[in-house]
PDB file of N, CA and C in Angstrom:
ATOM      1  N   MET A   1      -8.208  -4.767 -22.554  1.00  0.00           N
ATOM      2  CA  MET A   1      -7.519  -3.621 -23.119  1.00  0.00           C
ATOM      3  C   MET A   1      -7.548  -2.456 -22.121  1.00  0.00           C
ATOM      4  N   ASN A   2      -6.485  -1.683 -22.122  1.00  0.00           N
ATOM      5  CA  ASN A   2      -6.470  -0.496 -21.282  1.00  0.00           C
ATOM      6  C   ASN A   2      -6.904   0.713 -22.103  1.00  0.00           C
ATOM      7  N   GLY A   3      -6.799   1.902 -21.525  1.00  0.00           N
ATOM      8  CA  GLY A   3      -7.227   3.113 -22.211  1.00  0.00           C
ATOM      9  C   GLY A   3      -6.420   3.437 -23.450  1.00  0.00           C
ATOM     10  N   GLU A   4      -5.244   2.855 -23.587  1.00  0.00           N
ATOM     11  CA  GLU A   4      -4.402   3.092 -24.761  1.00  0.00           C
ATOM     12  C   GLU A   4      -4.635   2.050 -25.847  1.00  0.00           C
ATOM     13  N   GLY A   5      -5.599   1.156 -25.648  1.00  0.00           N
ATOM     14  CA  GLY A   5      -5.921   0.154 -26.645  1.00  0.00           C
ATOM     15  C   GLY A   5      -4.989  -1.035 -26.686  1.00  0.00           C
ATOM     16  N   ARG A   6      -4.166  -1.205 -25.652  1.00  0.00           N
ATOM     17  CA  ARG A   6      -3.277  -2.369 -25.629  1.00  0.00           C
ATOM     18  C   ARG A   6      -3.722  -3.327 -24.528  1.00  0.00           C
ATOM     19  N   GLU A   7      -3.238  -4.534 -24.615  1.00  0.00           N
ATOM     20  CA  GLU A   7      -3.588  -5.559 -23.639  1.00  0.00           C
ATOM     21  C   GLU A   7      -3.133  -5.142 -22.240  1.00  0.00           C
ATOM     22  N   ILE A   8      -3.973  -5.425 -21.247  1.00  0.00           N
ATOM     23  CA  ILE A   8      -3.636  -5.107 -19.863  1.00  0.00           C
ATOM     24  C   ILE A   8      -2.539  -6.048 -19.391  1.00  0.00           C
ATOM     25  N   LEU A   9      -1.459  -5.475 -18.909  1.00  0.00           N
ATOM     26  CA  LEU A   9      -0.330  -6.261 -18.431  1.00  0.00           C
ATOM     27  C   LEU A   9      -0.372  -6.471 -16.922  1.00  0.00           C
ATOM     28  N   MET A  10      -0.892  -5.500 -16.200  1.00  0.00           N
ATOM     29  CA  MET A  10      -0.862  -5.572 -14.750  1.00  0.00           C
ATOM     30  C   MET A  10      -1.942  -4.665 -14.173  1.00  0.00           C
ATOM     31  N   VAL A  11      -2.375  -4.978 -12.959  1.00  0.00           N
ATOM     32  CA  VAL A  11      -3.281  -4.114 -12.215  1.00  0.00           C
ATOM     33  C   VAL A  11      -2.504  -3.575 -11.022  1.00  0.00           C
ATOM     34  N   GLU A  12      -2.466  -2.259 -10.891  1.00  0.00           N
ATOM     35  CA  GLU A  12      -1.805  -1.600  -9.759  1.00  0.00           C
ATOM     36  C   GLU A  12      -2.866  -1.243  -8.724  1.00  0.00           C
ATOM     37  N   HIS A  13      -2.587  -1.575  -7.476  1.00  0.00           N
ATOM     38  CA  HIS A  13      -3.521  -1.359  -6.363  1.00  0.00           C
ATOM     39  C   HIS A  13      -2.775  -0.548  -5.307  1.00  0.00           C
ATOM     40  N   PHE A  14      -3.257   0.652  -5.031  1.00  0.00           N
ATOM     41  CA  PHE A  14      -2.650   1.533  -4.037  1.00  0.00           C
ATOM     42  C   PHE A  14      -3.612   1.712  -2.875  1.00  0.00           C
ATOM     43  N   VAL A  15      -3.100   1.668  -1.654  1.00  0.00           N
ATOM     44  CA  VAL A  15      -3.915   1.930  -0.467  1.00  0.00           C
ATOM     45  C   VAL A  15      -3.105   2.832   0.454  1.00  0.00           C
ATOM     46  N   PHE A  16      -3.772   3.852   0.984  1.00  0.00           N
ATOM     47  CA  PHE A  16      -3.146   4.787   1.911  1.00  0.00           C
ATOM     48  C   PHE A  16      -3.986   4.839   3.179  1.00  0.00           C
ATOM     49  N   PHE A  17      -3.322   4.877   4.326  1.00  0.00           N
ATOM     50  CA  PHE A  17      -4.005   4.848   5.615  1.00  0.00           C
ATOM     51  C   PHE A  17      -3.735   6.114   6.416  1.00  0.00           C
ATOM     52  N   LYS A  18      -4.787   6.644   7.041  1.00  0.00           N
ATOM     53  CA  LYS A  18      -4.634   7.662   8.072  1.00  0.00           C
ATOM     54  C   LYS A  18      -4.578   6.926   9.404  1.00  0.00           C
ATOM     55  N   LEU A  19      -3.766   7.425  10.300  1.00  0.00           N
ATOM     56  CA  LEU A  19      -3.593   6.782  11.593  1.00  0.00           C
ATOM     57  C   LEU A  19      -4.156   7.656  12.702  1.00  0.00           C
ATOM     58  N   GLN A  20      -4.481   7.014  13.810  1.00  0.00           N
ATOM     59  CA  GLN A  20      -4.928   7.768  14.968  1.00  0.00           C
ATOM     60  C   GLN A  20      -3.795   8.684  15.411  1.00  0.00           C
ATOM     61  N   GLU A  21      -4.151   9.863  15.929  1.00  0.00           N
ATOM     62  CA  GLU A  21      -3.141  10.861  16.290  1.00  0.00           C
ATOM     63  C   GLU A  21      -2.137  10.358  17.314  1.00  0.00           C
ATOM     64  N   ASP A  22      -2.566   9.456  18.187  1.00  0.00           N
ATOM     65  CA  ASP A  22      -1.676   8.984  19.254  1.00  0.00           C
ATOM     66  C   ASP A  22      -0.870   7.742  18.861  1.00  0.00           C
ATOM     67  N   THR A  23      -0.856   7.394  17.574  1.00  0.00           N
ATOM     68  CA  THR A  23      -0.094   6.227  17.126  1.00  0.00           C
ATOM     69  C   THR A  23       1.399   6.490  17.290  1.00  0.00           C
ATOM     70  N   LYS A  24       2.067   5.597  17.987  1.00  0.00           N
ATOM     71  CA  LYS A  24       3.502   5.734  18.243  1.00  0.00           C
ATOM     72  C   LYS A  24       4.300   5.335  16.998  1.00  0.00           C
ATOM     73  N   GLU A  25       5.521   5.853  16.913  1.00  0.00           N
ATOM     74  CA  GLU A  25       6.385   5.556  15.768  1.00  0.00           C
ATOM     75  C   GLU A  25       6.639   4.056  15.623  1.00  0.00           C
ATOM     76  N   GLU A  26       6.857   3.354  16.740  1.00  0.00           N
ATOM     77  CA  GLU A  26       7.103   1.911  16.637  1.00  0.00           C
ATOM     78  C   GLU A  26       5.873   1.170  16.124  1.00  0.00           C
ATOM     79  N   ASP A  27       4.668   1.684  16.445  1.00  0.00           N
ATOM     80  CA  ASP A  27       3.445   1.067  15.932  1.00  0.00           C
ATOM     81  C   ASP A  27       3.299   1.314  14.432  1.00  0.00           C
ATOM     82  N   LYS A  28       3.719   2.476  13.977  1.00  0.00           N
ATOM     83  CA  LYS A  28       3.679   2.759  12.535  1.00  0.00           C
ATOM     84  C   LYS A  28       4.561   1.766  11.779  1.00  0.00           C
ATOM     85  N   LYS A  29       5.729   1.497  12.325  1.00  0.00           N
ATOM     86  CA  LYS A  29       6.631   0.532  11.697  1.00  0.00           C
ATOM     87  C   LYS A  29       6.030  -0.870  11.721  1.00  0.00           C
ATOM     88  N   LYS A  30       5.312  -1.220  12.796  1.00  0.00           N
ATOM     89  CA  LYS A  30       4.656  -2.530  12.881  1.00  0.00           C
ATOM     90  C   LYS A  30       3.555  -2.656  11.834  1.00  0.00           C
ATOM     91  N   ILE A  31       2.858  -1.559  11.566  1.00  0.00           N
ATOM     92  CA  ILE A  31       1.823  -1.575  10.532  1.00  0.00           C
ATOM     93  C   ILE A  31       2.446  -1.960   9.194  1.00  0.00           C
ATOM     94  N   VAL A  32       3.549  -1.308   8.856  1.00  0.00           N
ATOM     95  CA  VAL A  32       4.219  -1.603   7.582  1.00  0.00           C
ATOM     96  C   VAL A  32       4.675  -3.058   7.558  1.00  0.00           C
ATOM     97  N   GLU A  33       5.264  -3.532   8.638  1.00  0.00           N
ATOM     98  CA  GLU A  33       5.697  -4.933   8.710  1.00  0.00           C
ATOM     99  C   GLU A  33       4.511  -5.873   8.521  1.00  0.00           C
ATOM    100  N   THR A  34       3.378  -5.553   9.131  1.00  0.00           N
ATOM    101  CA  THR A  34       2.172  -6.380   9.006  1.00  0.00           C
ATOM    102  C   THR A  34       1.695  -6.418   7.561  1.00  0.00           C
ATOM    103  N   LEU A  35       1.715  -5.266   6.894  1.00  0.00           N
ATOM    104  CA  LEU A  35       1.272  -5.204   5.502  1.00  0.00           C
ATOM    105  C   LEU A  35       2.083  -6.124   4.601  1.00  0.00           C
ATOM    106  N   TYR A  36       3.353  -6.309   4.904  1.00  0.00           N
ATOM    107  CA  TYR A  36       4.190  -7.179   4.075  1.00  0.00           C
ATOM    108  C   TYR A  36       3.716  -8.635   4.097  1.00  0.00           C
ATOM    109  N   GLY A  37       2.862  -9.005   5.033  1.00  0.00           N
ATOM    110  CA  GLY A  37       2.266 -10.334   5.036  1.00  0.00           C
ATOM    111  C   GLY A  37       1.383 -10.581   3.827  1.00  0.00           C
ATOM    112  N   LEU A  38       0.919  -9.507   3.194  1.00  0.00           N
ATOM    113  CA  LEU A  38       0.074  -9.645   2.006  1.00  0.00           C
ATOM    114  C   LEU A  38       0.817 -10.265   0.833  1.00  0.00           C
ATOM    115  N   LYS A  39       2.144 -10.183   0.831  1.00  0.00           N
ATOM    116  CA  LYS A  39       2.939 -10.728  -0.274  1.00  0.00           C
ATOM    117  C   LYS A  39       2.717 -12.217  -0.483  1.00  0.00           C
ATOM    118  N   GLU A  40       2.194 -12.895   0.519  1.00  0.00           N
ATOM    119  CA  GLU A  40       1.977 -14.344   0.436  1.00  0.00           C
ATOM    120  C   GLU A  40       0.779 -14.718  -0.427  1.00  0.00           C
ATOM    121  N   ILE A  41      -0.034 -13.747  -0.793  1.00  0.00           N
ATOM    122  CA  ILE A  41      -1.246 -14.031  -1.562  1.00  0.00           C
ATOM    123  C   ILE A  41      -0.880 -14.279  -3.029  1.00  0.00           C
ATOM    124  N   PRO A  42      -1.370 -15.380  -3.610  1.00  0.00           N
ATOM    125  CA  PRO A  42      -1.082 -15.681  -5.020  1.00  0.00           C
ATOM    126  C   PRO A  42      -1.550 -14.562  -5.950  1.00  0.00           C
ATOM    127  N   GLY A  43      -0.806 -14.345  -7.014  1.00  0.00           N
ATOM    128  CA  GLY A  43      -1.172 -13.346  -8.013  1.00  0.00           C
ATOM    129  C   GLY A  43      -0.489 -12.007  -7.822  1.00  0.00           C
ATOM    130  N   ILE A  44       0.178 -11.815  -6.665  1.00  0.00           N
ATOM    131  CA  ILE A  44       0.920 -10.582  -6.427  1.00  0.00           C
ATOM    132  C   ILE A  44       2.316 -10.741  -7.028  1.00  0.00           C
ATOM    133  N   VAL A  45       2.671  -9.823  -7.920  1.00  0.00           N
ATOM    134  CA  VAL A  45       3.989  -9.892  -8.554  1.00  0.00           C
ATOM    135  C   VAL A  45       4.929  -8.790  -8.068  1.00  0.00           C
ATOM    136  N   GLU A  46       4.380  -7.734  -7.493  1.00  0.00           N
ATOM    137  CA  GLU A  46       5.182  -6.652  -6.926  1.00  0.00           C
ATOM    138  C   GLU A  46       4.490  -6.149  -5.670  1.00  0.00           C
ATOM    139  N   PHE A  47       5.278  -5.763  -4.669  1.00  0.00           N
ATOM    140  CA  PHE A  47       4.705  -5.243  -3.428  1.00  0.00           C
ATOM    141  C   PHE A  47       5.684  -4.281  -2.785  1.00  0.00           C
ATOM    142  N   SER A  48       5.170  -3.177  -2.295  1.00  0.00           N
ATOM    143  CA  SER A  48       5.955  -2.281  -1.449  1.00  0.00           C
ATOM    144  C   SER A  48       5.011  -1.565  -0.496  1.00  0.00           C
ATOM    145  N   ALA A  49       5.525  -1.210   0.669  1.00  0.00           N
ATOM    146  CA  ALA A  49       4.756  -0.463   1.663  1.00  0.00           C
ATOM    147  C   ALA A  49       5.730   0.379   2.462  1.00  0.00           C
ATOM    148  N   GLY A  50       5.249   1.492   2.983  1.00  0.00           N
ATOM    149  CA  GLY A  50       6.128   2.331   3.778  1.00  0.00           C
ATOM    150  C   GLY A  50       5.401   3.511   4.386  1.00  0.00           C
ATOM    151  N   LEU A  51       6.162   4.261   5.177  1.00  0.00           N
ATOM    152  CA  LEU A  51       5.664   5.464   5.828  1.00  0.00           C
ATOM    153  C   LEU A  51       5.893   6.669   4.921  1.00  0.00           C
ATOM    154  N   ASN A  52       4.964   7.609   4.956  1.00  0.00           N
ATOM    155  CA  ASN A  52       5.087   8.819   4.154  1.00  0.00           C
ATOM    156  C   ASN A  52       6.281   9.650   4.623  1.00  0.00           C
ATOM    157  N   HIS A  53       7.058  10.137   3.685  1.00  0.00           N
ATOM    158  CA  HIS A  53       8.130  11.067   4.026  1.00  0.00           C
ATOM    159  C   HIS A  53       8.174  12.253   3.055  1.00  0.00           C
ATOM    160  N   SER A  54       7.038  12.524   2.421  1.00  0.00           N
ATOM    161  CA  SER A  54       6.954  13.636   1.482  1.00  0.00           C
ATOM    162  C   SER A  54       7.134  14.968   2.206  1.00  0.00           C
ATOM    163  N   GLN A  55       7.867  15.855   1.580  1.00  0.00           N
ATOM    164  CA  GLN A  55       8.086  17.206   2.110  1.00  0.00           C
ATOM    165  C   GLN A  55       7.094  18.219   1.517  1.00  0.00           C
ATOM    166  N   GLU A  56       6.211  17.759   0.614  1.00  0.00           N
ATOM    167  CA  GLU A  56       5.311  18.670  -0.095  1.00  0.00           C
ATOM    168  C   GLU A  56       4.143  19.164   0.744  1.00  0.00           C
ATOM    169  N   GLY A  57       3.812  18.450   1.821  1.00  0.00           N
ATOM    170  CA  GLY A  57       2.679  18.853   2.647  1.00  0.00           C
ATOM    171  C   GLY A  57       1.330  18.592   2.001  1.00  0.00           C
ATOM    172  N   LYS A  58       1.261  17.627   1.095  1.00  0.00           N
ATOM    173  CA  LYS A  58       0.013  17.337   0.387  1.00  0.00           C
ATOM    174  C   LYS A  58      -0.514  15.937   0.681  1.00  0.00           C
ATOM    175  N   SER A  59      -0.054  15.327   1.753  1.00  0.00           N
ATOM    176  CA  SER A  59      -0.454  13.946   2.041  1.00  0.00           C
ATOM    177  C   SER A  59      -1.841  13.847   2.661  1.00  0.00           C
ATOM    178  N   ARG A  60      -2.430  14.977   3.032  1.00  0.00           N
ATOM    179  CA  ARG A  60      -3.782  15.023   3.588  1.00  0.00           C
ATOM    180  C   ARG A  60      -3.954  14.106   4.787  1.00  0.00           C
ATOM    181  N   GLY A  61      -2.889  13.919   5.533  1.00  0.00           N
ATOM    182  CA  GLY A  61      -2.952  13.126   6.757  1.00  0.00           C
ATOM    183  C   GLY A  61      -2.716  11.639   6.578  1.00  0.00           C
ATOM    184  N   PHE A  62      -2.513  11.175   5.344  1.00  0.00           N
ATOM    185  CA  PHE A  62      -2.232   9.759   5.122  1.00  0.00           C
ATOM    186  C   PHE A  62      -0.761   9.502   5.439  1.00  0.00           C
ATOM    187  N   GLU A  63      -0.509   8.556   6.340  1.00  0.00           N
ATOM    188  CA  GLU A  63       0.851   8.319   6.825  1.00  0.00           C
ATOM    189  C   GLU A  63       1.472   7.011   6.354  1.00  0.00           C
ATOM    190  N   VAL A  64       0.642   6.043   5.970  1.00  0.00           N
ATOM    191  CA  VAL A  64       1.138   4.738   5.529  1.00  0.00           C
ATOM    192  C   VAL A  64       0.558   4.458   4.154  1.00  0.00           C
ATOM    193  N   GLY A  65       1.393   3.948   3.260  1.00  0.00           N
ATOM    194  CA  GLY A  65       0.914   3.605   1.930  1.00  0.00           C
ATOM    195  C   GLY A  65       1.477   2.280   1.473  1.00  0.00           C
ATOM    196  N   MET A  66       0.746   1.638   0.562  1.00  0.00           N
ATOM    197  CA  MET A  66       1.262   0.412  -0.045  1.00  0.00           C
ATOM    198  C   MET A  66       0.854   0.370  -1.502  1.00  0.00           C
ATOM    199  N   ARG A  67       1.684  -0.330  -2.277  1.00  0.00           N
ATOM    200  CA  ARG A  67       1.423  -0.532  -3.702  1.00  0.00           C
ATOM    201  C   ARG A  67       1.581  -2.009  -3.989  1.00  0.00           C
ATOM    202  N   ILE A  68       0.563  -2.568  -4.643  1.00  0.00           N
ATOM    203  CA  ILE A  68       0.601  -3.979  -5.006  1.00  0.00           C
ATOM    204  C   ILE A  68       0.379  -4.088  -6.509  1.00  0.00           C
ATOM    205  N   GLY A  69       1.261  -4.816  -7.180  1.00  0.00           N
ATOM    206  CA  GLY A  69       1.089  -5.116  -8.594  1.00  0.00           C
ATOM    207  C   GLY A  69       0.547  -6.529  -8.737  1.00  0.00           C
ATOM    208  N   PHE A  70      -0.597  -6.649  -9.384  1.00  0.00           N
ATOM    209  CA  PHE A  70      -1.227  -7.953  -9.608  1.00  0.00           C
ATOM    210  C   PHE A  70      -1.027  -8.397 -11.046  1.00  0.00           C
ATOM    211  N   GLN A  71      -0.979  -9.707 -11.247  1.00  0.00           N
ATOM    212  CA  GLN A  71      -0.824 -10.272 -12.590  1.00  0.00           C
ATOM    213  C   GLN A  71      -1.912  -9.784 -13.535  1.00  0.00           C
ATOM    214  N   ASN A  72      -3.133  -9.685 -13.015  1.00  0.00           N
ATOM    215  CA  ASN A  72      -4.283  -9.318 -13.828  1.00  0.00           C
ATOM    216  C   ASN A  72      -5.464  -9.006 -12.910  1.00  0.00           C
ATOM    217  N   GLN A  73      -6.592  -8.655 -13.502  1.00  0.00           N
ATOM    218  CA  GLN A  73      -7.781  -8.312 -12.717  1.00  0.00           C
ATOM    219  C   GLN A  73      -8.277  -9.502 -11.906  1.00  0.00           C
ATOM    220  N   ALA A  74      -8.170 -10.699 -12.455  1.00  0.00           N
ATOM    221  CA  ALA A  74      -8.609 -11.897 -11.726  1.00  0.00           C
ATOM    222  C   ALA A  74      -7.813 -12.068 -10.432  1.00  0.00           C
ATOM    223  N   ALA A  75      -6.519 -11.749 -10.464  1.00  0.00           N
ATOM    224  CA  ALA A  75      -5.692 -11.852  -9.255  1.00  0.00           C
ATOM    225  C   ALA A  75      -6.141 -10.839  -8.207  1.00  0.00           C
ATOM    226  N   LEU A  76      -6.455  -9.609  -8.635  1.00  0.00           N
ATOM    227  CA  LEU A  76      -6.977  -8.611  -7.692  1.00  0.00           C
ATOM    228  C   LEU A  76      -8.318  -9.059  -7.131  1.00  0.00           C
ATOM    229  N   ASP A  77      -9.184  -9.584  -7.990  1.00  0.00           N
ATOM    230  CA  ASP A  77     -10.493 -10.052  -7.531  1.00  0.00           C
ATOM    231  C   ASP A  77     -10.360 -11.169  -6.502  1.00  0.00           C
ATOM    232  N   ALA A  78      -9.382 -12.049  -6.677  1.00  0.00           N
ATOM    233  CA  ALA A  78      -9.160 -13.148  -5.729  1.00  0.00           C
ATOM    234  C   ALA A  78      -8.522 -12.649  -4.435  1.00  0.00           C
ATOM    235  N   TYR A  79      -7.762 -11.573  -4.515  1.00  0.00           N
ATOM    236  CA  TYR A  79      -7.076 -10.994  -3.355  1.00  0.00           C
ATOM    237  C   TYR A  79      -8.056 -10.403  -2.340  1.00  0.00           C
ATOM    238  N   LEU A  80      -9.060  -9.694  -2.836  1.00  0.00           N
ATOM    239  CA  LEU A  80      -9.958  -8.965  -1.937  1.00  0.00           C
ATOM    240  C   LEU A  80     -10.638  -9.856  -0.900  1.00  0.00           C
ATOM    241  N   PRO A  81     -11.180 -11.032  -1.259  1.00  0.00           N
ATOM    242  CA  PRO A  81     -11.796 -11.896  -0.242  1.00  0.00           C
ATOM    243  C   PRO A  81     -10.826 -12.880   0.409  1.00  0.00           C
ATOM    244  N   HIS A  82      -9.554 -12.853   0.020  1.00  0.00           N
ATOM    245  CA  HIS A  82      -8.583 -13.835   0.517  1.00  0.00           C
ATOM    246  C   HIS A  82      -8.433 -13.720   2.039  1.00  0.00           C
ATOM    247  N   PRO A  83      -8.356 -14.846   2.762  1.00  0.00           N
ATOM    248  CA  PRO A  83      -8.234 -14.813   4.226  1.00  0.00           C
ATOM    249  C   PRO A  83      -7.011 -14.042   4.734  1.00  0.00           C
ATOM    250  N   ILE A  84      -5.894 -14.111   4.020  1.00  0.00           N
ATOM    251  CA  ILE A  84      -4.713 -13.347   4.453  1.00  0.00           C
ATOM    252  C   ILE A  84      -4.996 -11.849   4.343  1.00  0.00           C
ATOM    253  N   HIS A  85      -5.626 -11.426   3.258  1.00  0.00           N
ATOM    254  CA  HIS A  85      -5.981 -10.013   3.093  1.00  0.00           C
ATOM    255  C   HIS A  85      -6.893  -9.562   4.222  1.00  0.00           C
ATOM    256  N   LYS A  86      -7.926 -10.330   4.482  1.00  0.00           N
ATOM    257  CA  LYS A  86      -8.872  -9.959   5.540  1.00  0.00           C
ATOM    258  C   LYS A  86      -8.175  -9.859   6.889  1.00  0.00           C
ATOM    259  N   SER A  87      -7.286 -10.792   7.177  1.00  0.00           N
ATOM    260  CA  SER A  87      -6.567 -10.793   8.451  1.00  0.00           C
ATOM    261  C   SER A  87      -5.631  -9.591   8.572  1.00  0.00           C
ATOM    262  N   VAL A  88      -4.801  -9.385   7.564  1.00  0.00           N
ATOM    263  CA  VAL A  88      -3.811  -8.305   7.617  1.00  0.00           C
ATOM    264  C   VAL A  88      -4.495  -6.938   7.667  1.00  0.00           C
ATOM    265  N   ILE A  89      -5.410  -6.693   6.763  1.00  0.00           N
ATOM    266  CA  ILE A  89      -6.073  -5.395   6.732  1.00  0.00           C
ATOM    267  C   ILE A  89      -6.922  -5.198   7.982  1.00  0.00           C
ATOM    268  N   GLY A  90      -7.526  -6.254   8.481  1.00  0.00           N
ATOM    269  CA  GLY A  90      -8.277  -6.156   9.737  1.00  0.00           C
ATOM    270  C   GLY A  90      -7.401  -5.735  10.898  1.00  0.00           C
ATOM    271  N   GLN A  91      -6.183  -6.241  10.942  1.00  0.00           N
ATOM    272  CA  GLN A  91      -5.244  -5.855  12.000  1.00  0.00           C
ATOM    273  C   GLN A  91      -4.901  -4.370  11.908  1.00  0.00           C
ATOM    274  N   VAL A  92      -4.671  -3.901  10.704  1.00  0.00           N
ATOM    275  CA  VAL A  92      -4.285  -2.501  10.520  1.00  0.00           C
ATOM    276  C   VAL A  92      -5.473  -1.579  10.770  1.00  0.00           C
ATOM    277  N   ARG A  93      -6.578  -1.841  10.125  1.00  0.00           N
ATOM    278  CA  ARG A  93      -7.749  -0.983  10.279  1.00  0.00           C
ATOM    279  C   ARG A  93      -8.291  -1.021  11.696  1.00  0.00           C
ATOM    280  N   GLY A  94      -8.360  -2.213  12.252  1.00  0.00           N
ATOM    281  CA  GLY A  94      -8.969  -2.371  13.560  1.00  0.00           C
ATOM    282  C   GLY A  94      -8.197  -1.757  14.694  1.00  0.00           C
ATOM    283  N   HIS A  95      -6.899  -1.674  14.565  1.00  0.00           N
ATOM    284  CA  HIS A  95      -6.086  -1.199  15.673  1.00  0.00           C
ATOM    285  C   HIS A  95      -5.458   0.164  15.453  1.00  0.00           C
ATOM    286  N   PHE A  96      -5.253   0.562  14.205  1.00  0.00           N
ATOM    287  CA  PHE A  96      -4.471   1.765  13.979  1.00  0.00           C
ATOM    288  C   PHE A  96      -5.148   2.831  13.119  1.00  0.00           C
ATOM    289  N   ALA A  97      -5.815   2.437  12.065  1.00  0.00           N
ATOM    290  CA  ALA A  97      -6.220   3.399  11.041  1.00  0.00           C
ATOM    291  C   ALA A  97      -7.615   3.961  11.262  1.00  0.00           C
ATOM    292  N   ASP A  98      -7.730   5.278  11.082  1.00  0.00           N
ATOM    293  CA  ASP A  98      -9.028   5.948  11.117  1.00  0.00           C
ATOM    294  C   ASP A  98      -9.675   5.956   9.736  1.00  0.00           C
ATOM    295  N   SER A  99      -8.863   6.008   8.699  1.00  0.00           N
ATOM    296  CA  SER A  99      -9.380   6.165   7.350  1.00  0.00           C
ATOM    297  C   SER A  99      -8.403   5.559   6.352  1.00  0.00           C
ATOM    298  N   SER A 100      -8.927   5.174   5.196  1.00  0.00           N
ATOM    299  CA  SER A 100      -8.061   4.685   4.126  1.00  0.00           C
ATOM    300  C   SER A 100      -8.565   5.207   2.785  1.00  0.00           C
ATOM    301  N   PHE A 101      -7.678   5.176   1.799  1.00  0.00           N
ATOM    302  CA  PHE A 101      -7.978   5.617   0.442  1.00  0.00           C
ATOM    303  C   PHE A 101      -7.414   4.567  -0.500  1.00  0.00           C
ATOM    304  N   VAL A 102      -8.235   4.098  -1.444  1.00  0.00           N
ATOM    305  CA  VAL A 102      -7.818   3.051  -2.379  1.00  0.00           C
ATOM    306  C   VAL A 102      -7.903   3.596  -3.803  1.00  0.00           C
ATOM    307  N   PHE A 103      -6.894   3.253  -4.619  1.00  0.00           N
ATOM    308  CA  PHE A 103      -6.862   3.676  -6.016  1.00  0.00           C
ATOM    309  C   PHE A 103      -6.249   2.549  -6.838  1.00  0.00           C
ATOM    310  N   ASP A 104      -6.972   2.080  -7.844  1.00  0.00           N
ATOM    311  CA  ASP A 104      -6.498   1.010  -8.725  1.00  0.00           C
ATOM    312  C   ASP A 104      -6.463   1.512 -10.169  1.00  0.00           C
ATOM    313  N   TYR A 105      -5.499   1.027 -10.928  1.00  0.00           N
ATOM    314  CA  TYR A 105      -5.514   1.252 -12.373  1.00  0.00           C
ATOM    315  C   TYR A 105      -4.826   0.089 -13.071  1.00  0.00           C
ATOM    316  N   THR A 106      -5.106  -0.039 -14.359  1.00  0.00           N
ATOM    317  CA  THR A 106      -4.486  -1.097 -15.156  1.00  0.00           C
ATOM    318  C   THR A 106      -3.530  -0.460 -16.150  1.00  0.00           C
ATOM    319  N   TRP A 107      -2.545  -1.237 -16.550  1.00  0.00           N
ATOM    320  CA  TRP A 107      -1.610  -0.783 -17.591  1.00  0.00           C
ATOM    321  C   TRP A 107      -1.089  -1.966 -18.346  1.00  0.00           C
TER     322      TRP A 107
END
């Protein structure tokens, strides 16, 4: 059940990355392309990723974001240790990102 007392339909997983200051625009695009490899993991029903283009000035330095919709909590739990997840996120964190922020909720 979620906070509204109804059955959980999906788990939303958001991740935002800060990049090194010297990251080139073409590398930012490669990061997003790399993140799309996560779609191959079972249990993912929705996926999007992209570069920040907010005009509000409230991004706190986060330049890349992704949103993943999972079938349920079990799918998210299986995703975290999955070899594709480890590989893709390792490529992004290891080469480009200084910091990340993760936020999950169910609905």
